[in-house]
Every structure is written in C-alpha cells, then in structure tokens.
C-alpha cells in the first residue's frame, strides 16, 4: 500500500470487492437452501399434546413451580 490516492484506492478495492461479491452469493445460497451443515434433525412422528406433556412432566418432577410450557423448535419446552 502506497501513501497515495491510487494506492489507497487499489487497497480498498482488494478488501471491499470480495465483501461486495459475498453478499449476493450468500443470498443465493440461502434462497436455494445450500448449507454446509449436516442433515436437518428429524421431526418427531407424533406431536405431543400439552396435556400429555404436563402428565409426563408431573411424573418426573414437581410441577408446582411450572412457569410456562410452550412449543419451540418442534419440541415442548417447560420452564420450572
């Protein structure tokens, strides 16, 4: 990098051009579902009803302090 206007311009182009090209490429990868992770986790075959979840939770823990029970990410999350 030289201390001139041309040197700064060339250096900033080499740094910012790959970033400018990366934005549309990641958008295309997201739209086509291209990922670098493994397969998505399998969803359970049967959904658990909230009443059944409360019974299951009551068999394992004391539910006197149950604050919330809500679906999140295909699972039921209990906050005690």
N, C-alpha and C. Protein backbone atom coordinates (compact mmCIF):
# COMPACT_ATOMS: atom_id res chain seq x y z
N UNK A 1 0.86 -1.18 0.00
CA UNK A 1 0.00 0.00 0.00
C UNK A 1 0.90 1.23 0.00
N UNK A 2 0.72 2.04 -0.99
CA UNK A 2 1.50 3.27 -1.07
C UNK A 2 0.67 4.40 -0.47
N UNK A 3 1.34 5.42 0.00
CA UNK A 3 0.65 6.58 0.56
C UNK A 3 0.28 7.55 -0.56
N UNK A 4 -0.58 7.06 -1.43
CA UNK A 4 -1.09 7.92 -2.50
C UNK A 4 -2.56 7.59 -2.69
N UNK A 5 -3.24 8.41 -3.42
CA UNK A 5 -4.65 8.19 -3.66
C UNK A 5 -4.88 6.89 -4.44
N UNK A 6 -4.04 6.61 -5.39
CA UNK A 6 -4.17 5.38 -6.16
C UNK A 6 -3.90 4.14 -5.32
N UNK A 7 -2.91 4.23 -4.43
CA UNK A 7 -2.60 3.10 -3.57
C UNK A 7 -3.74 2.79 -2.61
N UNK A 8 -4.29 3.83 -2.02
CA UNK A 8 -5.44 3.62 -1.12
C UNK A 8 -6.64 3.08 -1.87
N UNK A 9 -6.85 3.56 -3.07
CA UNK A 9 -7.97 3.10 -3.88
C UNK A 9 -7.81 1.62 -4.24
N UNK A 10 -6.63 1.24 -4.65
CA UNK A 10 -6.39 -0.16 -5.02
C UNK A 10 -6.51 -1.08 -3.81
N UNK A 11 -5.99 -0.66 -2.67
CA UNK A 11 -6.07 -1.48 -1.46
C UNK A 11 -7.51 -1.64 -1.00
N UNK A 12 -8.26 -0.56 -1.00
CA UNK A 12 -9.66 -0.67 -0.58
C UNK A 12 -10.46 -1.51 -1.57
N UNK A 13 -10.10 -1.48 -2.85
CA UNK A 13 -10.79 -2.32 -3.83
C UNK A 13 -10.52 -3.80 -3.56
N UNK A 14 -9.29 -4.15 -3.24
CA UNK A 14 -8.96 -5.55 -2.96
C UNK A 14 -9.63 -6.04 -1.67
N UNK A 15 -9.89 -5.15 -0.74
CA UNK A 15 -10.54 -5.54 0.51
C UNK A 15 -12.05 -5.58 0.37
N UNK A 16 -12.62 -4.56 -0.27
CA UNK A 16 -14.08 -4.42 -0.31
C UNK A 16 -14.75 -5.18 -1.45
N UNK A 17 -14.05 -5.44 -2.54
CA UNK A 17 -14.67 -6.15 -3.65
C UNK A 17 -15.09 -7.57 -3.27
N UNK A 18 -14.26 -8.36 -2.58
CA UNK A 18 -14.74 -9.69 -2.16
C UNK A 18 -15.95 -9.61 -1.23
N UNK A 19 -15.99 -8.61 -0.37
CA UNK A 19 -17.15 -8.44 0.50
C UNK A 19 -18.40 -8.10 -0.30
N UNK A 20 -18.24 -7.27 -1.31
CA UNK A 20 -19.38 -6.89 -2.15
C UNK A 20 -19.88 -8.08 -2.96
N UNK A 21 -19.01 -9.00 -3.32
CA UNK A 21 -19.43 -10.20 -4.06
C UNK A 21 -20.00 -11.27 -3.13
N UNK A 22 -19.61 -11.25 -1.88
CA UNK A 22 -20.07 -12.26 -0.93
C UNK A 22 -21.54 -12.07 -0.56
N UNK A 23 -22.02 -10.86 -0.54
CA UNK A 23 -23.41 -10.60 -0.13
C UNK A 23 -24.41 -11.25 -1.08
N UNK A 24 -24.36 -11.05 -2.39
CA UNK A 24 -25.33 -11.73 -3.26
C UNK A 24 -25.15 -13.25 -3.31
N UNK A 25 -23.90 -13.71 -3.16
CA UNK A 25 -23.68 -15.15 -3.17
C UNK A 25 -24.31 -15.83 -1.96
N UNK A 26 -24.22 -15.21 -0.79
CA UNK A 26 -24.87 -15.80 0.38
C UNK A 26 -26.38 -15.73 0.25
N UNK A 27 -26.90 -14.68 -0.36
CA UNK A 27 -28.34 -14.59 -0.60
C UNK A 27 -28.82 -15.70 -1.52
N UNK A 28 -28.07 -15.99 -2.56
CA UNK A 28 -28.43 -17.09 -3.46
C UNK A 28 -28.34 -18.44 -2.75
N UNK A 29 -27.32 -18.62 -1.93
CA UNK A 29 -27.19 -19.87 -1.20
C UNK A 29 -28.36 -20.06 -0.23
N UNK A 30 -28.78 -19.00 0.42
CA UNK A 30 -29.94 -19.10 1.32
C UNK A 30 -31.22 -19.40 0.55
N UNK A 31 -31.40 -18.78 -0.60
CA UNK A 31 -32.64 -18.98 -1.34
C UNK A 31 -32.72 -20.39 -1.94
N UNK A 32 -31.58 -20.98 -2.29
CA UNK A 32 -31.59 -22.33 -2.84
C UNK A 32 -31.40 -23.41 -1.78
N UNK A 33 -31.25 -23.01 -0.53
CA UNK A 33 -31.13 -23.98 0.56
C UNK A 33 -29.78 -24.66 0.64
N UNK A 34 -28.74 -24.03 0.16
CA UNK A 34 -27.40 -24.60 0.21
C UNK A 34 -26.81 -24.31 1.58
N UNK A 35 -26.41 -25.36 2.29
CA UNK A 35 -25.79 -25.19 3.60
C UNK A 35 -24.54 -26.04 3.69
N UNK A 36 -23.71 -25.75 4.66
CA UNK A 36 -22.52 -26.53 4.91
C UNK A 36 -22.65 -27.34 6.19
N UNK A 37 -23.86 -27.47 6.69
CA UNK A 37 -24.11 -28.26 7.89
C UNK A 37 -24.61 -29.64 7.49
N UNK A 38 -24.76 -30.49 8.46
CA UNK A 38 -25.28 -31.83 8.20
C UNK A 38 -26.77 -31.77 7.91
N UNK A 39 -27.36 -32.93 7.85
CA UNK A 39 -28.80 -33.01 7.58
C UNK A 39 -29.59 -32.40 8.73
N UNK A 40 -30.74 -31.90 8.42
CA UNK A 40 -31.60 -31.30 9.43
C UNK A 40 -32.10 -32.38 10.38
N UNK A 41 -32.28 -32.05 11.65
CA UNK A 41 -32.78 -33.07 12.58
C UNK A 41 -34.18 -33.50 12.20
N UNK A 42 -34.44 -34.79 12.40
CA UNK A 42 -35.74 -35.33 12.04
C UNK A 42 -36.79 -34.86 13.02
N UNK A 43 -37.95 -34.55 12.50
CA UNK A 43 -39.07 -34.15 13.34
C UNK A 43 -39.73 -35.39 13.91
N UNK A 44 -40.23 -35.31 15.14
CA UNK A 44 -40.91 -36.47 15.70
C UNK A 44 -42.16 -36.80 14.90
N UNK A 45 -42.47 -38.08 14.81
CA UNK A 45 -43.61 -38.52 14.01
C UNK A 45 -44.93 -38.09 14.64
N UNK A 46 -45.01 -38.05 15.96
CA UNK A 46 -46.24 -37.72 16.63
C UNK A 46 -46.03 -36.49 17.51
N UNK A 47 -46.92 -35.52 17.39
CA UNK A 47 -46.84 -34.35 18.23
C UNK A 47 -47.42 -34.66 19.60
N UNK A 48 -46.77 -34.17 20.61
CA UNK A 48 -47.21 -34.37 21.98
C UNK A 48 -48.15 -33.25 22.37
N UNK A 49 -49.33 -33.59 22.84
CA UNK A 49 -50.27 -32.58 23.29
C UNK A 49 -49.79 -31.98 24.60
N UNK A 50 -50.21 -30.75 24.86
CA UNK A 50 -49.76 -30.06 26.07
C UNK A 50 -50.25 -30.81 27.32
N UNK A 51 -51.46 -31.33 27.28
CA UNK A 51 -51.96 -32.07 28.44
C UNK A 51 -51.12 -33.31 28.70
N UNK A 52 -50.72 -34.02 27.63
CA UNK A 52 -49.85 -35.18 27.79
C UNK A 52 -48.46 -34.77 28.29
N UNK A 53 -47.99 -33.63 27.83
CA UNK A 53 -46.68 -33.14 28.27
C UNK A 53 -46.71 -32.80 29.75
N UNK A 54 -47.81 -32.23 30.23
CA UNK A 54 -47.93 -31.91 31.65
C UNK A 54 -47.94 -33.20 32.46
N UNK A 55 -48.65 -34.22 32.01
CA UNK A 55 -48.66 -35.50 32.72
C UNK A 55 -47.26 -36.13 32.75
N UNK A 56 -46.56 -36.09 31.64
CA UNK A 56 -45.21 -36.63 31.57
C UNK A 56 -44.26 -35.86 32.48
N UNK A 57 -44.39 -34.55 32.48
CA UNK A 57 -43.55 -33.71 33.33
C UNK A 57 -43.86 -33.95 34.80
N UNK A 58 -45.14 -34.14 35.13
CA UNK A 58 -45.53 -34.38 36.52
C UNK A 58 -45.01 -35.72 37.01
N UNK A 59 -44.83 -36.68 36.12
CA UNK A 59 -44.31 -37.98 36.55
C UNK A 59 -42.82 -37.90 36.87
N UNK A 60 -42.12 -36.91 36.31
CA UNK A 60 -40.69 -36.79 36.52
C UNK A 60 -40.30 -35.73 37.55
N UNK A 61 -41.07 -34.65 37.63
CA UNK A 61 -40.71 -33.52 38.51
C UNK A 61 -41.95 -32.95 39.17
N UNK A 62 -41.69 -32.11 40.16
CA UNK A 62 -42.77 -31.39 40.83
C UNK A 62 -43.15 -30.19 39.97
N UNK A 63 -44.40 -30.12 39.55
CA UNK A 63 -44.81 -29.05 38.64
C UNK A 63 -45.46 -27.88 39.37
N UNK A 64 -45.27 -27.80 40.69
CA UNK A 64 -45.83 -26.67 41.43
C UNK A 64 -45.20 -25.35 40.97
N UNK A 65 -43.97 -25.40 40.53
CA UNK A 65 -43.29 -24.19 40.09
C UNK A 65 -43.26 -24.04 38.57
N UNK A 66 -44.16 -24.70 37.86
CA UNK A 66 -44.19 -24.62 36.40
C UNK A 66 -44.60 -23.21 35.98
N UNK A 67 -43.71 -22.54 35.28
CA UNK A 67 -43.98 -21.18 34.82
C UNK A 67 -44.61 -21.18 33.44
N UNK A 68 -44.03 -21.94 32.52
CA UNK A 68 -44.56 -21.96 31.15
C UNK A 68 -44.24 -23.29 30.49
N UNK A 69 -45.05 -23.62 29.52
CA UNK A 69 -44.86 -24.81 28.70
C UNK A 69 -45.28 -24.42 27.30
N UNK A 70 -44.29 -24.32 26.39
CA UNK A 70 -44.60 -23.84 25.04
C UNK A 70 -43.80 -24.57 23.98
N UNK A 71 -44.34 -24.61 22.77
CA UNK A 71 -43.60 -25.26 21.68
C UNK A 71 -42.47 -24.34 21.20
N UNK A 72 -41.33 -24.94 20.97
CA UNK A 72 -40.20 -24.18 20.43
C UNK A 72 -39.32 -25.13 19.64
N UNK A 73 -39.20 -24.90 18.37
CA UNK A 73 -38.35 -25.72 17.51
C UNK A 73 -38.83 -27.15 17.37
N UNK A 74 -40.13 -27.38 17.37
CA UNK A 74 -40.66 -28.72 17.22
C UNK A 74 -40.70 -29.51 18.52
N UNK A 75 -40.35 -28.87 19.63
CA UNK A 75 -40.36 -29.52 20.93
C UNK A 75 -41.19 -28.68 21.89
N UNK A 76 -41.59 -29.28 22.99
CA UNK A 76 -42.24 -28.54 24.05
C UNK A 76 -41.20 -28.23 25.12
N UNK A 77 -41.07 -26.97 25.45
CA UNK A 77 -40.09 -26.51 26.43
C UNK A 77 -40.83 -26.12 27.69
N UNK A 78 -40.41 -26.69 28.82
CA UNK A 78 -41.03 -26.38 30.11
C UNK A 78 -40.07 -25.53 30.91
N UNK A 79 -40.59 -24.47 31.50
CA UNK A 79 -39.80 -23.62 32.39
C UNK A 79 -40.33 -23.81 33.79
N UNK A 80 -39.46 -24.28 34.67
CA UNK A 80 -39.85 -24.54 36.06
C UNK A 80 -39.27 -23.48 36.96
